[in-house]
């Protein structure tokens, strides 16, 4: 379910229950969150110890078992 579908479902439920509608996706909070979201990858990169590139996914040779 994407953001638009969730918003439409929440709006429908609010109409059925007589409660206020939820805020539209991409509303006033988006511009204030954008700098934070841009800074997160840089913070993660600084948190990685020297000599490591961060978490690595498991290799395919470990996940396939030959019997």
Protein backbone atom coordinates (compact mmCIF):
# COMPACT_ATOMS: atom_id res chain seq x y z
CA UNK A 1 0.00 0.00 0.00
CA UNK A 2 1.47 3.33 -0.96
CA UNK A 3 1.09 6.68 0.80
CA UNK A 4 -1.82 7.85 -1.35
CA UNK A 5 -3.80 4.67 -0.81
CA UNK A 6 -3.22 4.86 2.96
CA UNK A 7 -4.34 8.50 2.98
CA UNK A 8 -7.53 7.65 1.09
CA UNK A 9 -8.28 4.78 3.47
CA UNK A 10 -7.68 7.00 6.52
CA UNK A 11 -9.87 9.73 5.02
CA UNK A 12 -12.68 7.23 4.38
CA UNK A 13 -12.46 5.91 7.94
CA UNK A 14 -12.47 9.44 9.35
CA UNK A 15 -15.60 10.25 7.34
CA UNK A 16 -17.34 7.10 8.60
CA UNK A 17 -16.49 7.86 12.25
CA UNK A 18 -17.06 11.61 12.09
CA UNK A 19 -13.48 12.43 13.10
CA UNK A 20 -11.24 15.08 11.49
CA UNK A 21 -9.48 14.15 8.27
CA UNK A 22 -5.77 13.32 8.48
CA UNK A 23 -3.27 15.77 6.98
CA UNK A 24 -2.53 15.25 3.30
CA UNK A 25 0.73 13.46 2.45
CA UNK A 26 3.57 15.82 1.62
CA UNK A 27 2.05 18.57 3.69
CA UNK A 28 3.82 21.17 5.81
CA UNK A 29 6.07 18.65 7.55
CA UNK A 30 7.91 17.66 4.35
CA UNK A 31 10.07 20.81 4.00
CA UNK A 32 11.08 20.65 7.65
CA UNK A 33 12.05 16.97 7.44
CA UNK A 34 14.03 17.26 4.20
CA UNK A 35 17.30 18.54 5.82
CA UNK A 36 17.10 15.79 8.44
CA UNK A 37 16.62 13.09 5.83
CA UNK A 38 19.56 14.42 3.81
CA UNK A 39 21.80 14.41 6.89
CA UNK A 40 21.07 10.80 7.92
CA UNK A 41 23.31 9.05 5.36
CA UNK A 42 26.22 11.32 6.37
CA UNK A 43 25.64 10.48 10.04
CA UNK A 44 25.56 6.77 9.28
CA UNK A 45 28.79 7.06 7.33
CA UNK A 46 30.51 8.78 10.27
CA UNK A 47 29.24 6.12 12.68
CA UNK A 48 30.93 3.33 10.69
CA UNK A 49 34.32 2.38 12.21
CA UNK A 50 37.42 3.00 10.08
CA UNK A 51 38.23 0.16 7.71
CA UNK A 52 34.62 -1.03 7.48
CA UNK A 53 32.17 -0.16 4.79
CA UNK A 54 29.13 -0.78 6.95
CA UNK A 55 26.81 -3.76 7.17
CA UNK A 56 27.09 -6.19 4.30
CA UNK A 57 24.33 -8.49 3.08
CA UNK A 58 24.92 -12.22 3.45
CA UNK A 59 26.69 -13.77 0.50
CA UNK A 60 24.76 -16.03 -1.84
CA UNK A 61 27.13 -18.94 -1.19
CA UNK A 62 26.03 -19.10 2.46
CA UNK A 63 22.34 -19.02 1.67
CA UNK A 64 22.40 -21.89 -0.83
CA UNK A 65 23.11 -25.30 0.61
CA UNK A 66 24.30 -28.18 -1.49
CA UNK A 67 23.57 -31.65 -0.11
